[in-house]
Amino acid sequence: MKKKNWLITGISSGLGKALAEAVMESGDFVIGTFRKQEQVDAFNKANEGKGTSVLLDTADIDGIQKTLTEVLAKHTIDVLVNNAGVGFVGAVEETSIEEVRLVFEPNFFGALKVTQAVLPHFRAQKSGHIIQISSHGGIKAFGGFGIYNASKFALEGFSEALAQEVAPLGIKVSIVEPGPFRTKFAAAGLGEAKNVIDDYSETAGAFRAKLKGVDGKQEGDPVKAAKAIIDLANAEKPSLRLPLGKTALMTIGMKLDSVKADLEQHKKTAENAIFLENV
């Protein structure tokens, strides 16, 4: 099998780190991104010949094009993984517009800009695989998680459309939807709405406490997730979506059942909400 070059954003910890290590162990080459120069220097020193890294903050939209232009001048990319992102908890009403922007910059706008920056390269070589790291929360929303859900719903929306646009060009798109994995997602780096409204204590407040409480106890194994993503990238016909973990299967299944129930309930109403021609 041909050796692949992977561009993976956000490889300092969690799934991104596990994936970068697994890709290098498989014999493929990694170009990873970090937000701190000391991380870049340490990675490059430790992984010479197996991988390299660059300084990139995916919340810095203006800096993405410049950095990726430099990367693409040196490397051919076969697989792009938009992994970098942030978590956030808080009720919708509790969350300020400034806090919403801090979530959407890396989770949506950053991933979109990285994708747009790499697409000309993929179109020119008539091949490439874009893998978006979403969440089971990109399919089903949870009270207290609405802004994070919105950022991942948006990521999934443009990615699903993109898959249709680029398929005739030899480019593949996949969306990975992990449930809770044992990463630092629910640790000190988790964003929280600064405003707390007591009326939401039993909904968003309870979710906030629950999410913090599972840190270090999540069911998902990042090493196994990394292997599944590599298998996806090596598949001849990769699927559009890849759920990961028992919780993801359960929650996504619940969402599908809910949507189907609503469709059935309102089928007659929907069918009758049309013009009746020639009656």
C-alpha atoms as a PDB file:
ATOM      1  CA  MET A   1       0.000   0.000   0.000  1.00  0.00           C
ATOM      2  CA  LYS A   2       1.280   3.465  -0.935  1.00  0.00           C
ATOM      3  CA  LYS A   3       2.664   5.510   1.911  1.00  0.00           C
ATOM      4  CA  LYS A   4       0.343   8.411   2.752  1.00  0.00           C
ATOM      5  CA  ASN A   5       1.026  11.885   4.051  1.00  0.00           C
ATOM      6  CA  TRP A   6      -1.482  13.010   6.697  1.00  0.00           C
ATOM      7  CA  LEU A   7      -2.158  16.610   7.714  1.00  0.00           C
ATOM      8  CA  ILE A   8      -3.731  16.494  11.204  1.00  0.00           C
ATOM      9  CA  THR A   9      -4.695  19.606  13.125  1.00  0.00           C
ATOM     10  CA  GLY A  10      -4.416  19.694  16.909  1.00  0.00           C
ATOM     11  CA  ILE A  11      -2.090  16.829  17.831  1.00  0.00           C
ATOM     12  CA  SER A  12      -0.995  17.987  21.286  1.00  0.00           C
ATOM     13  CA  SER A  13      -3.295  15.636  23.193  1.00  0.00           C
ATOM     14  CA  GLY A  14      -6.331  13.357  23.068  1.00  0.00           C
ATOM     15  CA  LEU A  15      -7.516  11.835  19.825  1.00  0.00           C
ATOM     16  CA  GLY A  16      -5.239  14.026  17.712  1.00  0.00           C
ATOM     17  CA  LYS A  17      -2.136  12.845  19.547  1.00  0.00           C
ATOM     18  CA  ALA A  18      -3.231   9.193  19.462  1.00  0.00           C
ATOM     19  CA  LEU A  19      -3.972   9.424  15.745  1.00  0.00           C
ATOM     20  CA  ALA A  20      -0.661  11.086  14.907  1.00  0.00           C
ATOM     21  CA  GLU A  21       1.254   8.386  16.813  1.00  0.00           C
ATOM     22  CA  ALA A  22      -0.737   5.565  15.192  1.00  0.00           C
ATOM     23  CA  VAL A  23      -0.267   7.005  11.704  1.00  0.00           C
ATOM     24  CA  MET A  24       3.504   7.193  12.193  1.00  0.00           C
ATOM     25  CA  GLU A  25       3.580   3.664  13.605  1.00  0.00           C
ATOM     26  CA  SER A  26       1.755   2.459  10.491  1.00  0.00           C
ATOM     27  CA  GLY A  27       4.540   3.828   8.297  1.00  0.00           C
ATOM     28  CA  ASP A  28       2.676   6.870   7.012  1.00  0.00           C
ATOM     29  CA  PHE A  29       3.977  10.431   7.445  1.00  0.00           C
ATOM     30  CA  VAL A  30       2.349  13.067   9.667  1.00  0.00           C
ATOM     31  CA  ILE A  31       2.273  16.829   9.305  1.00  0.00           C
ATOM     32  CA  GLY A  32       0.702  17.972  12.564  1.00  0.00           C
ATOM     33  CA  THR A  33      -0.199  21.319  14.063  1.00  0.00           C
ATOM     34  CA  PHE A  34       0.408  22.746  17.521  1.00  0.00           C
ATOM     35  CA  ARG A  35      -0.429  26.098  19.100  1.00  0.00           C
ATOM     36  CA  LYS A  36       2.886  26.433  20.961  1.00  0.00           C
ATOM     37  CA  GLN A  37       6.347  26.677  19.414  1.00  0.00           C
ATOM     38  CA  GLU A  38       7.951  24.530  22.116  1.00  0.00           C
ATOM     39  CA  GLN A  39       5.546  21.722  21.187  1.00  0.00           C
ATOM     40  CA  VAL A  40       6.519  22.049  17.531  1.00  0.00           C
ATOM     41  CA  ASP A  41      10.220  21.901  18.366  1.00  0.00           C
ATOM     42  CA  ALA A  42       9.864  18.880  20.666  1.00  0.00           C
ATOM     43  CA  PHE A  43       7.759  16.920  18.156  1.00  0.00           C
ATOM     44  CA  ASN A  44      10.105  17.620  15.257  1.00  0.00           C
ATOM     45  CA  LYS A  45      13.144  16.577  17.278  1.00  0.00           C
ATOM     46  CA  ALA A  46      11.505  13.335  18.449  1.00  0.00           C
ATOM     47  CA  ASN A  47       9.973  12.270  15.126  1.00  0.00           C
ATOM     48  CA  GLU A  48      12.516  13.109  12.443  1.00  0.00           C
ATOM     49  CA  GLY A  49      11.768  11.107   9.306  1.00  0.00           C
ATOM     50  CA  LYS A  50       8.363   9.997  10.599  1.00  0.00           C
ATOM     51  CA  GLY A  51       6.609  13.308  10.939  1.00  0.00           C
ATOM     52  CA  THR A  52       6.902  17.044  11.201  1.00  0.00           C
ATOM     53  CA  SER A  53       4.798  19.803  12.691  1.00  0.00           C
ATOM     54  CA  VAL A  54       3.996  23.479  12.288  1.00  0.00           C
ATOM     55  CA  LEU A  55       2.672  26.278  14.438  1.00  0.00           C
ATOM     56  CA  LEU A  56      -1.027  26.856  13.734  1.00  0.00           C
ATOM     57  CA  ASP A  57      -3.993  28.045  15.767  1.00  0.00           C
ATOM     58  CA  THR A  58      -7.150  27.131  13.847  1.00  0.00           C
ATOM     59  CA  ALA A  59      -8.948  30.001  15.589  1.00  0.00           C
ATOM     60  CA  ASP A  60      -6.590  32.335  13.670  1.00  0.00           C
ATOM     61  CA  ILE A  61      -8.504  32.331  10.394  1.00  0.00           C
ATOM     62  CA  ASP A  62      -6.169  34.808   8.689  1.00  0.00           C
ATOM     63  CA  GLY A  63      -3.092  32.735   9.530  1.00  0.00           C
ATOM     64  CA  ILE A  64      -4.427  29.437   8.182  1.00  0.00           C
ATOM     65  CA  GLN A  65      -3.960  30.167   4.469  1.00  0.00           C
ATOM     66  CA  LYS A  66      -0.401  31.445   4.921  1.00  0.00           C
ATOM     67  CA  THR A  67       0.663  28.438   7.005  1.00  0.00           C
ATOM     68  CA  LEU A  68      -0.953  25.857   4.738  1.00  0.00           C
ATOM     69  CA  THR A  69       0.469  27.473   1.609  1.00  0.00           C
ATOM     70  CA  GLU A  70       3.915  26.950   3.136  1.00  0.00           C
ATOM     71  CA  VAL A  71       3.074  23.344   4.113  1.00  0.00           C
ATOM     72  CA  LEU A  72       1.738  22.478   0.653  1.00  0.00           C
ATOM     73  CA  ALA A  73       4.838  23.923  -0.981  1.00  0.00           C
ATOM     74  CA  LYS A  74       6.868  21.248   0.827  1.00  0.00           C
ATOM     75  CA  HIS A  75       4.516  18.275   1.127  1.00  0.00           C
ATOM     76  CA  THR A  76       1.930  16.372  -0.857  1.00  0.00           C
ATOM     77  CA  ILE A  77      -1.114  15.700   1.306  1.00  0.00           C
ATOM     78  CA  ASP A  78      -3.216  12.558   0.928  1.00  0.00           C
ATOM     79  CA  VAL A  79      -5.381  12.749   4.054  1.00  0.00           C
ATOM     80  CA  LEU A  80      -6.575  15.871   5.885  1.00  0.00           C
ATOM     81  CA  VAL A  81      -7.938  15.418   9.400  1.00  0.00           C
ATOM     82  CA  ASN A  82      -9.646  18.453  10.936  1.00  0.00           C
ATOM     83  CA  ASN A  83      -9.281  17.465  14.572  1.00  0.00           C
ATOM     84  CA  ALA A  84      -8.528  20.734  16.391  1.00  0.00           C
ATOM     85  CA  GLY A  85     -11.437  22.116  18.368  1.00  0.00           C
ATOM     86  CA  VAL A  86     -12.765  23.085  21.777  1.00  0.00           C
ATOM     87  CA  GLY A  87     -15.519  21.916  24.114  1.00  0.00           C
ATOM     88  CA  PHE A  88     -18.051  24.194  25.767  1.00  0.00           C
ATOM     89  CA  VAL A  89     -20.918  23.791  28.255  1.00  0.00           C
ATOM     90  CA  GLY A  90     -23.661  26.173  29.269  1.00  0.00           C
ATOM     91  CA  ALA A  91     -27.311  26.854  28.557  1.00  0.00           C
ATOM     92  CA  VAL A  92     -28.065  28.749  25.375  1.00  0.00           C
ATOM     93  CA  GLU A  93     -29.394  31.754  27.318  1.00  0.00           C
ATOM     94  CA  GLU A  94     -26.366  31.741  29.615  1.00  0.00           C
ATOM     95  CA  THR A  95     -23.903  32.007  26.725  1.00  0.00           C
ATOM     96  CA  SER A  96     -22.649  35.358  25.448  1.00  0.00           C
ATOM     97  CA  ILE A  97     -22.066  36.019  21.752  1.00  0.00           C
ATOM     98  CA  GLU A  98     -18.355  36.425  22.514  1.00  0.00           C
ATOM     99  CA  GLU A  99     -18.299  32.913  24.041  1.00  0.00           C
ATOM    100  CA  VAL A 100     -20.148  31.518  21.025  1.00  0.00           C
ATOM    101  CA  ARG A 101     -17.503  32.995  18.722  1.00  0.00           C
ATOM    102  CA  LEU A 102     -14.717  31.375  20.759  1.00  0.00           C
ATOM    103  CA  VAL A 103     -16.341  27.984  20.049  1.00  0.00           C
ATOM    104  CA  PHE A 104     -17.198  28.551  16.396  1.00  0.00           C
ATOM    105  CA  GLU A 105     -13.796  29.949  15.388  1.00  0.00           C
ATOM    106  CA  PRO A 106     -11.887  26.640  15.791  1.00  0.00           C
ATOM    107  CA  ASN A 107     -14.774  24.155  15.557  1.00  0.00           C
ATOM    108  CA  PHE A 108     -16.421  25.541  12.428  1.00  0.00           C
ATOM    109  CA  PHE A 109     -14.648  28.468  10.760  1.00  0.00           C
ATOM    110  CA  GLY A 110     -11.175  27.038  11.341  1.00  0.00           C
ATOM    111  CA  ALA A 111     -12.107  23.608  10.001  1.00  0.00           C
ATOM    112  CA  LEU A 112     -13.847  25.238   7.041  1.00  0.00           C
ATOM    113  CA  LYS A 113     -10.849  27.421   6.204  1.00  0.00           C
ATOM    114  CA  VAL A 114      -8.369  24.528   6.512  1.00  0.00           C
ATOM    115  CA  THR A 115     -10.598  22.462   4.220  1.00  0.00           C
ATOM    116  CA  GLN A 116     -10.843  25.290   1.679  1.00  0.00           C
ATOM    117  CA  ALA A 117      -7.080  25.809   1.776  1.00  0.00           C
ATOM    118  CA  VAL A 118      -6.339  22.137   1.014  1.00  0.00           C
ATOM    119  CA  LEU A 119      -9.040  21.572  -1.612  1.00  0.00           C
ATOM    120  CA  PRO A 120      -7.137  23.161  -4.546  1.00  0.00           C
ATOM    121  CA  HIS A 121      -4.275  20.753  -3.794  1.00  0.00           C
ATOM    122  CA  PHE A 122      -6.650  17.778  -3.771  1.00  0.00           C
ATOM    123  CA  ARG A 123      -8.371  18.935  -6.962  1.00  0.00           C
ATOM    124  CA  ALA A 124      -5.040  19.282  -8.749  1.00  0.00           C
ATOM    125  CA  GLN A 125      -3.964  15.742  -7.848  1.00  0.00           C
ATOM    126  CA  LYS A 126      -7.523  14.391  -8.362  1.00  0.00           C
ATOM    127  CA  SER A 127      -7.404  12.566  -5.039  1.00  0.00           C
ATOM    128  CA  GLY A 128      -7.513  13.136  -1.306  1.00  0.00           C
ATOM    129  CA  HIS A 129      -9.542  12.251   1.765  1.00  0.00           C
ATOM    130  CA  ILE A 130     -10.967  14.848   4.147  1.00  0.00           C
ATOM    131  CA  ILE A 131     -11.822  13.465   7.592  1.00  0.00           C
ATOM    132  CA  GLN A 132     -13.763  15.783   9.873  1.00  0.00           C
ATOM    133  CA  ILE A 133     -13.690  15.005  13.587  1.00  0.00           C
ATOM    134  CA  SER A 134     -17.207  15.813  14.713  1.00  0.00           C
ATOM    135  CA  SER A 135     -19.059  14.221  17.638  1.00  0.00           C
ATOM    136  CA  HIS A 136     -22.182  12.267  18.424  1.00  0.00           C
ATOM    137  CA  GLY A 137     -23.157  15.789  19.518  1.00  0.00           C
ATOM    138  CA  GLY A 138     -23.006  16.742  15.852  1.00  0.00           C
ATOM    139  CA  ILE A 139     -26.094  14.594  15.292  1.00  0.00           C
ATOM    140  CA  LYS A 140     -27.977  14.812  18.609  1.00  0.00           C
ATOM    141  CA  ALA A 141     -28.147  17.887  20.826  1.00  0.00           C
ATOM    142  CA  PHE A 142     -28.071  17.846  24.631  1.00  0.00           C
ATOM    143  CA  GLY A 143     -29.369  20.528  27.019  1.00  0.00           C
ATOM    144  CA  GLY A 144     -26.327  22.407  28.282  1.00  0.00           C
ATOM    145  CA  PHE A 145     -24.304  21.562  25.181  1.00  0.00           C
ATOM    146  CA  GLY A 146     -26.207  23.625  22.634  1.00  0.00           C
ATOM    147  CA  ILE A 147     -23.436  25.938  21.428  1.00  0.00           C
ATOM    148  CA  TYR A 148     -20.975  23.067  21.026  1.00  0.00           C
ATOM    149  CA  ASN A 149     -23.751  21.090  19.294  1.00  0.00           C
ATOM    150  CA  ALA A 150     -24.361  24.006  16.946  1.00  0.00           C
ATOM    151  CA  SER A 151     -20.694  24.188  15.944  1.00  0.00           C
ATOM    152  CA  LYS A 152     -20.598  20.461  15.161  1.00  0.00           C
ATOM    153  CA  PHE A 153     -23.988  20.511  13.393  1.00  0.00           C
ATOM    154  CA  ALA A 154     -22.525  23.251  11.180  1.00  0.00           C
ATOM    155  CA  LEU A 155     -19.368  21.213  10.534  1.00  0.00           C
ATOM    156  CA  GLU A 156     -21.475  18.212   9.530  1.00  0.00           C
ATOM    157  CA  GLY A 157     -23.722  20.320   7.306  1.00  0.00           C
ATOM    158  CA  PHE A 158     -21.023  21.720   5.069  1.00  0.00           C
ATOM    159  CA  SER A 159     -19.121  18.420   5.069  1.00  0.00           C
ATOM    160  CA  GLU A 160     -22.144  16.439   3.879  1.00  0.00           C
ATOM    161  CA  ALA A 161     -22.665  18.910   1.033  1.00  0.00           C
ATOM    162  CA  LEU A 162     -18.932  18.963   0.270  1.00  0.00           C
ATOM    163  CA  ALA A 163     -18.894  15.174  -0.076  1.00  0.00           C
ATOM    164  CA  GLN A 164     -21.380  15.472  -2.928  1.00  0.00           C
ATOM    165  CA  GLU A 165     -19.496  18.339  -4.572  1.00  0.00           C
ATOM    166  CA  VAL A 166     -16.082  16.690  -4.631  1.00  0.00           C
ATOM    167  CA  ALA A 167     -16.973  13.033  -5.263  1.00  0.00           C
ATOM    168  CA  PRO A 168     -16.747  13.442  -9.068  1.00  0.00           C
ATOM    169  CA  LEU A 169     -13.268  14.958  -8.573  1.00  0.00           C
ATOM    170  CA  GLY A 170     -11.843  11.858  -6.884  1.00  0.00           C
ATOM    171  CA  ILE A 171     -11.947  13.408  -3.395  1.00  0.00           C
ATOM    172  CA  LYS A 172     -13.515  11.622  -0.407  1.00  0.00           C
ATOM    173  CA  VAL A 173     -15.112  13.114   2.704  1.00  0.00           C
ATOM    174  CA  SER A 174     -15.840  11.327   5.981  1.00  0.00           C
ATOM    175  CA  ILE A 175     -17.271  12.568   9.275  1.00  0.00           C
ATOM    176  CA  VAL A 176     -16.135  10.861  12.498  1.00  0.00           C
ATOM    177  CA  GLU A 177     -18.628  11.016  15.368  1.00  0.00           C
ATOM    178  CA  PRO A 178     -17.075   9.921  18.675  1.00  0.00           C
ATOM    179  CA  GLY A 179     -19.005   9.582  21.885  1.00  0.00           C
ATOM    180  CA  PRO A 180     -17.204  10.282  25.193  1.00  0.00           C
ATOM    181  CA  PHE A 181     -13.523   9.306  24.900  1.00  0.00           C
ATOM    182  CA  ARG A 182     -10.858   9.353  27.579  1.00  0.00           C
ATOM    183  CA  THR A 183      -9.169  12.572  26.497  1.00  0.00           C
ATOM    184  CA  LYS A 184      -8.781  15.993  28.132  1.00  0.00           C
ATOM    185  CA  PHE A 185     -12.045  17.184  26.571  1.00  0.00           C
ATOM    186  CA  ALA A 186     -13.874  17.315  29.930  1.00  0.00           C
ATOM    187  CA  ALA A 187     -10.844  18.497  31.910  1.00  0.00           C
ATOM    188  CA  ALA A 188      -9.688  21.988  32.872  1.00  0.00           C
ATOM    189  CA  GLY A 189      -9.653  23.139  29.247  1.00  0.00           C
ATOM    190  CA  LEU A 190     -13.415  22.724  28.863  1.00  0.00           C
ATOM    191  CA  GLY A 191     -15.049  26.079  28.172  1.00  0.00           C
ATOM    192  CA  GLU A 192     -17.981  27.152  30.328  1.00  0.00           C
ATOM    193  CA  ALA A 193     -20.531  29.934  30.137  1.00  0.00           C
ATOM    194  CA  LYS A 194     -19.531  32.522  32.734  1.00  0.00           C
ATOM    195  CA  ASN A 195     -23.141  33.457  33.359  1.00  0.00           C
ATOM    196  CA  VAL A 196     -25.097  30.903  35.401  1.00  0.00           C
ATOM    197  CA  ILE A 197     -28.906  31.086  35.621  1.00  0.00           C
ATOM    198  CA  ASP A 198     -30.470  29.122  38.477  1.00  0.00           C
ATOM    199  CA  ASP A 199     -33.576  28.224  36.434  1.00  0.00           C
ATOM    200  CA  TYR A 200     -31.388  25.928  34.308  1.00  0.00           C
ATOM    201  CA  SER A 201     -29.822  24.080  37.238  1.00  0.00           C
ATOM    202  CA  GLU A 202     -31.757  20.862  36.556  1.00  0.00           C
ATOM    203  CA  THR A 203     -31.054  20.839  32.806  1.00  0.00           C
ATOM    204  CA  ALA A 204     -27.946  22.628  31.558  1.00  0.00           C
ATOM    205  CA  GLY A 205     -26.494  22.823  35.063  1.00  0.00           C
ATOM    206  CA  ALA A 206     -26.921  19.102  35.595  1.00  0.00           C
ATOM    207  CA  PHE A 207     -25.286  18.385  32.235  1.00  0.00           C
ATOM    208  CA  ARG A 208     -22.379  20.676  33.088  1.00  0.00           C
ATOM    209  CA  ALA A 209     -21.761  18.813  36.351  1.00  0.00           C
ATOM    210  CA  LYS A 210     -22.155  15.409  34.710  1.00  0.00           C
ATOM    211  CA  LEU A 211     -19.678  16.202  31.932  1.00  0.00           C
ATOM    212  CA  LYS A 212     -17.039  17.381  34.386  1.00  0.00           C
ATOM    213  CA  GLY A 213     -17.654  14.303  36.504  1.00  0.00           C
ATOM    214  CA  VAL A 214     -16.791  11.840  33.737  1.00  0.00           C
ATOM    215  CA  ASP A 215     -13.275  13.187  33.142  1.00  0.00           C
ATOM    216  CA  GLY A 216     -10.916  10.231  33.135  1.00  0.00           C
ATOM    217  CA  LYS A 217     -13.781   7.727  33.219  1.00  0.00           C
ATOM    218  CA  GLN A 218     -15.059   7.941  29.633  1.00  0.00           C
ATOM    219  CA  GLU A 219     -15.696   4.657  27.831  1.00  0.00           C
ATOM    220  CA  GLY A 220     -13.784   5.485  24.642  1.00  0.00           C
ATOM    221  CA  ASP A 221     -10.186   4.432  24.006  1.00  0.00           C
ATOM    222  CA  PRO A 222      -8.363   7.023  21.805  1.00  0.00           C
ATOM    223  CA  VAL A 223      -5.890   4.370  20.588  1.00  0.00           C
ATOM    224  CA  LYS A 224      -8.715   2.191  19.267  1.00  0.00           C
ATOM    225  CA  ALA A 225     -10.394   5.254  17.741  1.00  0.00           C
ATOM    226  CA  ALA A 226      -7.150   6.099  15.942  1.00  0.00           C
ATOM    227  CA  LYS A 227      -6.979   2.606  14.438  1.00  0.00           C
ATOM    228  CA  ALA A 228     -10.587   2.905  13.258  1.00  0.00           C
ATOM    229  CA  ILE A 229      -9.802   6.220  11.547  1.00  0.00           C
ATOM    230  CA  ILE A 230      -6.747   4.745   9.820  1.00  0.00           C
ATOM    231  CA  ASP A 231      -8.887   1.836   8.606  1.00  0.00           C
ATOM    232  CA  LEU A 232     -11.400   4.377   7.305  1.00  0.00           C
ATOM    233  CA  ALA A 233      -8.686   6.225   5.396  1.00  0.00           C
ATOM    234  CA  ASN A 234      -7.438   2.963   3.883  1.00  0.00           C
ATOM    235  CA  ALA A 235     -10.903   1.768   2.817  1.00  0.00           C
ATOM    236  CA  GLU A 236     -11.562   1.603  -0.911  1.00  0.00           C
ATOM    237  CA  LYS A 237     -15.010   3.149  -0.435  1.00  0.00           C
ATOM    238  CA  PRO A 238     -15.027   4.912   2.950  1.00  0.00           C
ATOM    239  CA  SER A 239     -18.395   5.745   4.497  1.00  0.00           C
ATOM    240  CA  LEU A 240     -19.596   9.307   4.941  1.00  0.00           C
ATOM    241  CA  ARG A 241     -20.033   8.787   8.694  1.00  0.00           C
ATOM    242  CA  LEU A 242     -18.154   6.778  11.302  1.00  0.00           C
ATOM    243  CA  PRO A 243     -19.681   6.671  14.817  1.00  0.00           C
ATOM    244  CA  LEU A 244     -17.272   5.606  17.553  1.00  0.00           C
ATOM    245  CA  GLY A 245     -18.232   4.134  20.921  1.00  0.00           C
ATOM    246  CA  LYS A 246     -21.307   2.489  22.403  1.00  0.00           C
ATOM    247  CA  THR A 247     -22.676   5.824  23.603  1.00  0.00           C
ATOM    248  CA  ALA A 248     -22.452   7.292  20.100  1.00  0.00           C
ATOM    249  CA  LEU A 249     -24.386   4.353  18.681  1.00  0.00           C
ATOM    250  CA  MET A 250     -27.063   4.791  21.340  1.00  0.00           C
ATOM    251  CA  THR A 251     -27.488   8.561  21.116  1.00  0.00           C
ATOM    252  CA  ILE A 252     -27.387   8.727  17.306  1.00  0.00           C
ATOM    253  CA  GLY A 253     -29.920   5.876  17.215  1.00  0.00           C
ATOM    254  CA  MET A 254     -32.155   7.852  19.605  1.00  0.00           C
ATOM    255  CA  LYS A 255     -31.993  10.871  17.297  1.00  0.00           C
ATOM    256  CA  LEU A 256     -32.890   8.807  14.235  1.00  0.00           C
ATOM    257  CA  ASP A 257     -35.845   7.256  16.071  1.00  0.00           C
ATOM    258  CA  SER A 258     -37.024  10.706  17.169  1.00  0.00           C
ATOM    259  CA  VAL A 259     -36.841  12.147  13.651  1.00  0.00           C
ATOM    260  CA  LYS A 260     -38.625   9.118  12.216  1.00  0.00           C
ATOM    261  CA  ALA A 261     -41.403   9.445  14.804  1.00  0.00           C
ATOM    262  CA  ASP A 262     -41.900  13.117  13.912  1.00  0.00           C
ATOM    263  CA  LEU A 263     -42.012  12.269  10.204  1.00  0.00           C
ATOM    264  CA  GLU A 264     -44.677   9.651  10.786  1.00  0.00           C
ATOM    265  CA  GLN A 265     -46.709  11.897  13.092  1.00  0.00           C
ATOM    266  CA  HIS A 266     -46.824  14.762  10.599  1.00  0.00           C
ATOM    267  CA  LYS A 267     -46.842  12.790   7.337  1.00  0.00           C
ATOM    268  CA  LYS A 268     -50.401  13.727   6.334  1.00  0.00           C
ATOM    269  CA  THR A 269     -49.883  17.374   7.267  1.00  0.00           C
ATOM    270  CA  ALA A 270     -46.698  17.531   5.230  1.00  0.00           C
ATOM    271  CA  GLU A 271     -48.263  15.847   2.226  1.00  0.00           C
ATOM    272  CA  ASN A 272     -51.209  18.269   2.254  1.00  0.00           C
ATOM    273  CA  ALA A 273     -49.066  21.425   2.489  1.00  0.00           C
ATOM    274  CA  ILE A 274     -48.691  21.729  -1.289  1.00  0.00           C
ATOM    275  CA  PHE A 275     -50.447  23.412  -4.193  1.00  0.00           C
ATOM    276  CA  LEU A 276     -53.102  21.224  -5.786  1.00  0.00           C
ATOM    277  CA  GLU A 277     -52.814  21.774  -9.513  1.00  0.00           C
ATOM    278  CA  ASN A 278     -55.738  21.282 -11.949  1.00  0.00           C
ATOM    279  CA  VAL A 279     -58.300  20.586  -9.230  1.00  0.00           C
END
